[in-house]
Protein backbone atom coordinates (compact mmCIF):
# COMPACT_ATOMS: atom_id res chain seq x y z
CA UNK A 1 7.35 -123.99 107.09
CA UNK A 2 6.27 -120.63 108.74
CA UNK A 3 3.26 -118.85 107.41
CA UNK A 4 2.76 -114.88 108.24
CA UNK A 5 -0.71 -113.24 108.12
CA UNK A 6 -0.70 -109.23 107.30
CA UNK A 7 -4.23 -108.20 108.41
CA UNK A 8 -6.37 -104.92 109.73
CA UNK A 9 -8.21 -107.62 111.99
CA UNK A 10 -5.54 -110.05 113.61
CA UNK A 11 -8.49 -110.87 116.58
CA UNK A 12 -10.32 -112.49 113.68
CA UNK A 13 -7.66 -114.65 112.32
CA UNK A 14 -5.95 -115.68 115.83
CA UNK A 15 -8.73 -117.63 117.44
CA UNK A 16 -8.62 -120.22 114.79
CA UNK A 17 -5.20 -121.33 115.65
CA UNK A 18 -6.05 -122.11 119.10
CA UNK A 19 -7.42 -125.17 118.64
CA UNK A 20 -7.37 -128.83 116.70
CA UNK A 21 -4.74 -129.90 114.00
CA UNK A 22 -2.66 -126.69 113.56
CA UNK A 23 -2.43 -125.87 117.21
CA UNK A 24 -1.12 -129.29 117.49
CA UNK A 25 1.40 -128.59 115.03
CA UNK A 26 2.23 -125.21 116.12
CA UNK A 27 2.93 -126.65 119.86
CA UNK A 28 5.53 -129.13 118.34
CA UNK A 29 7.46 -126.83 116.47
CA UNK A 30 6.27 -128.27 113.02
CA UNK A 31 4.29 -125.27 111.89
CA UNK A 32 4.98 -121.40 112.60
CA UNK A 33 1.88 -119.08 112.46
CA UNK A 34 2.68 -115.49 112.73
CA UNK A 35 -0.10 -112.42 112.58
CA UNK A 36 0.90 -108.83 111.82
CA UNK A 37 -1.58 -105.98 112.74
CA UNK A 38 -1.19 -104.00 109.38
CA UNK A 39 -1.82 -100.63 111.63
CA UNK A 40 1.63 -101.54 113.15
CA UNK A 41 3.34 -100.92 109.97
CA UNK A 42 1.59 -97.41 109.33
CA UNK A 43 2.98 -94.13 110.01
CA UNK A 44 1.36 -90.58 111.38
CA UNK A 45 -0.66 -89.46 114.53
CA UNK A 46 -3.60 -91.79 113.48
CA UNK A 47 -1.99 -94.93 111.68
CA UNK A 48 -3.95 -94.30 108.27
CA UNK A 49 -4.09 -97.24 106.56
CA UNK A 50 -6.23 -96.65 103.94
CA UNK A 51 -7.73 -93.25 101.44
CA UNK A 52 -10.01 -92.80 98.74
CA UNK A 53 -9.26 -94.11 95.50
CA UNK A 54 -8.00 -92.16 92.70
CA UNK A 55 -10.47 -91.52 90.00
CA UNK A 56 -13.37 -91.34 92.48
CA UNK A 57 -15.50 -93.88 93.36
CA UNK A 58 -16.83 -95.65 96.45
CA UNK A 59 -15.34 -96.95 99.36
CA UNK A 60 -11.36 -96.72 100.36
CA UNK A 61 -8.53 -98.54 99.09
CA UNK A 62 -5.68 -100.05 101.39
CA UNK A 63 -2.41 -97.80 100.91
CA UNK A 64 0.68 -99.54 99.81
CA UNK A 65 3.02 -97.97 102.45
CA UNK A 66 2.20 -100.16 105.35
CA UNK A 67 2.56 -103.33 103.13
CA UNK A 68 5.61 -102.75 101.64
CA UNK A 69 6.95 -102.23 105.48
CA UNK A 70 5.55 -105.33 106.50
CA UNK A 71 6.55 -107.43 104.03
CA UNK A 72 10.19 -106.30 104.39
CA UNK A 73 9.76 -106.68 107.86
CA UNK A 74 8.57 -110.14 107.71
CA UNK A 75 11.31 -111.23 105.17
CA UNK A 76 13.81 -109.76 107.51
CA UNK A 77 12.63 -112.45 109.98
CA UNK A 78 12.78 -115.33 107.56
CA UNK A 79 15.91 -117.31 106.99
CA UNK A 80 14.79 -118.13 103.27
CA UNK A 81 12.41 -116.21 100.62
CA UNK A 82 8.89 -116.38 101.90
CA UNK A 83 6.21 -116.38 98.84
CA UNK A 84 4.36 -113.10 99.16
CA UNK A 85 0.54 -113.62 98.38
CA UNK A 86 -2.36 -110.97 97.37
CA UNK A 87 -5.60 -112.82 98.55
CA UNK A 88 -7.90 -110.92 95.99
CA UNK A 89 -10.98 -112.03 94.17
CA UNK A 90 -9.28 -111.12 90.99
CA UNK A 91 -6.89 -113.41 91.63
CA UNK A 92 -6.08 -117.44 90.10
CA UNK A 93 -8.21 -119.92 91.86
CA UNK A 94 -6.56 -121.91 94.87
CA UNK A 95 -6.74 -125.42 94.31
CA UNK A 96 -5.50 -128.79 95.82
CA UNK A 97 -2.67 -128.59 93.47
CA UNK A 98 -1.90 -125.11 94.34
CA UNK A 99 -1.78 -126.38 98.07
CA UNK A 100 0.30 -128.87 97.30
CA UNK A 101 2.92 -126.26 95.47
CA UNK A 102 2.60 -123.89 98.32
CA UNK A 103 3.27 -126.71 100.89
CA UNK A 104 6.66 -127.12 99.49
CA UNK A 105 7.73 -123.45 100.44
CA UNK A 106 10.00 -122.59 103.27
CA UNK A 107 7.42 -120.05 103.99
CA UNK A 108 4.29 -117.70 102.87
CA UNK A 109 3.52 -114.42 103.87
CA UNK A 110 -0.30 -113.43 103.38
CA UNK A 111 -1.61 -110.14 102.43
CA UNK A 112 -5.46 -109.63 103.41
CA UNK A 113 -7.08 -106.84 101.71
CA UNK A 114 -10.28 -104.96 103.16
CA UNK A 115 -12.61 -102.45 101.83
CA UNK A 116 -12.31 -101.77 97.93
CA UNK A 117 -9.30 -103.78 97.96
CA UNK A 118 -5.43 -103.19 98.01
CA UNK A 119 -3.64 -100.67 95.94
CA UNK A 120 -2.32 -102.32 92.95
CA UNK A 121 1.43 -101.46 93.94
CA UNK A 122 1.47 -103.95 96.28
CA UNK A 123 1.33 -106.55 93.61
CA UNK A 124 4.98 -105.37 92.60
CA UNK A 125 6.14 -107.16 95.76
CA UNK A 126 3.74 -110.13 95.78
CA UNK A 127 4.28 -113.46 94.14
CA UNK A 128 0.92 -114.51 93.82
CA UNK A 129 -2.66 -112.89 93.67
CA UNK A 130 -4.94 -115.92 94.80
CA UNK A 131 -8.64 -116.07 95.34
CA UNK A 132 -10.80 -119.20 96.73
CA UNK A 133 -13.48 -118.69 95.27
CA UNK A 134 -16.07 -116.57 92.62
CA UNK A 135 -17.88 -114.67 95.58
CA UNK A 136 -17.27 -111.35 97.09
CA UNK A 137 -15.90 -111.43 100.93
CA UNK A 138 -15.56 -108.34 103.27
CA UNK A 139 -12.08 -109.26 103.35
CA UNK A 140 -8.92 -111.56 103.09
CA UNK A 141 -8.85 -112.99 106.42
CA UNK A 142 -11.07 -115.67 105.59
CA UNK A 143 -9.02 -116.77 102.55
CA UNK A 144 -5.77 -116.38 104.54
CA UNK A 145 -7.34 -119.42 106.98
CA UNK A 146 -8.03 -121.51 104.25
CA UNK A 147 -5.11 -121.55 102.72
CA UNK A 148 -3.22 -122.01 106.11
CA UNK A 149 -5.42 -124.96 106.66
CA UNK A 150 -5.02 -126.71 103.30
CA UNK A 151 -1.35 -125.68 103.11
CA UNK A 152 -0.46 -126.56 106.85
CA UNK A 153 -1.97 -129.77 106.86
CA UNK A 154 0.11 -131.17 103.71
CA UNK A 155 3.58 -130.05 105.42
CA UNK A 156 5.13 -133.04 106.60
CA UNK A 157 4.76 -133.73 110.28
CA UNK A 158 1.49 -131.82 110.85
CA UNK A 159 -0.77 -134.96 110.17
CA UNK A 160 0.19 -137.89 111.93
CA UNK A 161 -1.51 -140.43 109.42
CA UNK A 162 -0.21 -139.85 105.99
CA UNK A 163 -2.71 -142.35 104.62
CA UNK A 164 -5.71 -140.09 105.69
CA UNK A 165 -3.89 -137.32 103.34
CA UNK A 166 -4.11 -139.71 100.55
CA UNK A 167 -7.68 -140.42 101.32
CA UNK A 168 -8.91 -136.62 101.12
CA UNK A 169 -11.00 -135.54 98.78
CA UNK A 170 -8.71 -134.23 96.01
CA UNK A 171 -6.07 -136.77 96.69
CA UNK A 172 -6.54 -137.03 92.98
CA UNK A 173 -7.06 -133.45 91.39
CA UNK A 174 -10.32 -134.12 89.36
CA UNK A 175 -11.76 -136.27 92.01
CA UNK A 176 -13.92 -135.50 95.21
CA UNK A 177 -13.98 -138.00 97.94
CA UNK A 178 -16.15 -141.01 98.14
CA UNK A 179 -18.77 -141.50 100.80
CA UNK A 180 -17.71 -142.37 104.32
CA UNK A 181 -19.25 -144.50 106.99
CA UNK A 182 -18.61 -145.27 110.25
CA UNK A 183 -20.70 -147.41 113.37
CA UNK A 184 -23.41 -148.38 113.57
CA UNK A 185 -23.46 -150.73 110.65
CA UNK A 186 -27.63 -149.45 110.35
CA UNK A 187 -29.24 -146.19 111.82
CA UNK A 188 -32.96 -145.46 111.48
CA UNK A 189 -33.21 -148.11 108.32
CA UNK A 190 -30.40 -146.37 107.04
CA UNK A 191 -27.57 -149.18 105.96
CA UNK A 192 -23.89 -149.28 105.56
CA UNK A 193 -23.06 -150.42 102.13
CA UNK A 194 -22.45 -154.46 101.98
CA UNK A 195 -19.28 -154.31 100.37
CA UNK A 196 -17.71 -151.90 103.22
CA UNK A 197 -18.58 -154.74 105.58
CA UNK A 198 -17.07 -157.32 103.81
CA UNK A 199 -13.45 -156.93 104.21
CA UNK A 200 -12.55 -157.21 100.76
CA UNK A 201 -10.21 -154.81 100.26
CA UNK A 202 -9.95 -154.94 96.37
CA UNK A 203 -13.68 -154.44 96.11
CA UNK A 204 -13.76 -151.69 98.80
CA UNK A 205 -11.11 -149.61 96.83
CA UNK A 206 -13.57 -150.40 93.42
CA UNK A 207 -16.43 -149.40 94.97
CA UNK A 208 -14.94 -146.14 96.72
CA UNK A 209 -13.16 -145.28 93.02
CA UNK A 210 -16.73 -145.58 91.52
CA UNK A 211 -18.96 -143.81 94.21
CA UNK A 212 -16.12 -140.77 94.08
CA UNK A 213 -16.54 -140.66 89.55
CA UNK A 214 -20.62 -140.54 90.22
CA UNK A 215 -20.20 -138.00 93.42
CA UNK A 216 -17.97 -136.10 91.12
CA UNK A 217 -20.51 -136.18 87.86
CA UNK A 218 -23.10 -135.52 90.44
CA UNK A 219 -21.98 -132.54 92.18
CA UNK A 220 -18.85 -131.28 90.26
CA UNK A 221 -19.88 -131.88 86.63
CA UNK A 222 -16.80 -129.21 85.93
CA UNK A 223 -14.11 -131.68 87.21
CA UNK A 224 -15.78 -134.60 86.03
CA UNK A 225 -15.06 -133.60 82.04
CA UNK A 226 -11.68 -132.73 83.10
CA UNK A 227 -11.19 -136.28 84.75
CA UNK A 228 -12.63 -137.78 81.32
CA UNK A 229 -10.22 -135.79 79.14
CA UNK A 230 -7.47 -137.04 81.32
CA UNK A 231 -8.49 -140.53 81.07
CA UNK A 232 -8.92 -139.99 76.95
CA UNK A 233 -12.78 -140.50 77.51
CA UNK A 234 -15.43 -138.79 75.87
CA UNK A 235 -17.38 -136.46 77.51
CA UNK A 236 -20.64 -137.72 78.88
CA UNK A 237 -22.65 -134.31 79.28
CA UNK A 238 -23.48 -133.50 82.70
CA UNK A 239 -26.93 -135.54 83.09
């Protein structure tokens, strides 16, 4: 898979891919990640990429022309048809299900906003408008990294141990992951649950499922209610 990130600040994005799992995948040729400075696609002496919003109001809006040129240039380098994503607080929520969907694509182009946002006409060349949560950030760089990480690790060959993907939080769409423990079996009076030391794999799986269920009920009641609905179980409240 190839992921392209268009941003005003490539220096905020590029260091993330210099270590860890994604760097190893890039070095093995399993994954390609490219960053593109938005100003490279601006014209004029000053390479202006923003302007005042029509209708008035505070702040500046990123102009459409550089994004159109960037997408056209990147598409010309792709063998297939990449999915073009505008990162925006107004977009649909990014989830693990959406990460799985995007991981099946041949390529992604992630467009990072700044200031008051991106000219709405850029959406005419996008396939998706995506948000990573209901909060405000200074720009789309962190969302781009989140999506690159979540999607990239699902690309075949990026994670060596496929079982670790199955054990991740949200492997079931409505359950978070269970508690995890490692050595020593006791630390400062805090003990690893006996069932995890028992060697009884069926009992361990039952315990993990119950713990994941309880942790979801406690921390994510919204997902817990969805899980109950999927199972055909009446809601039990958020208690």
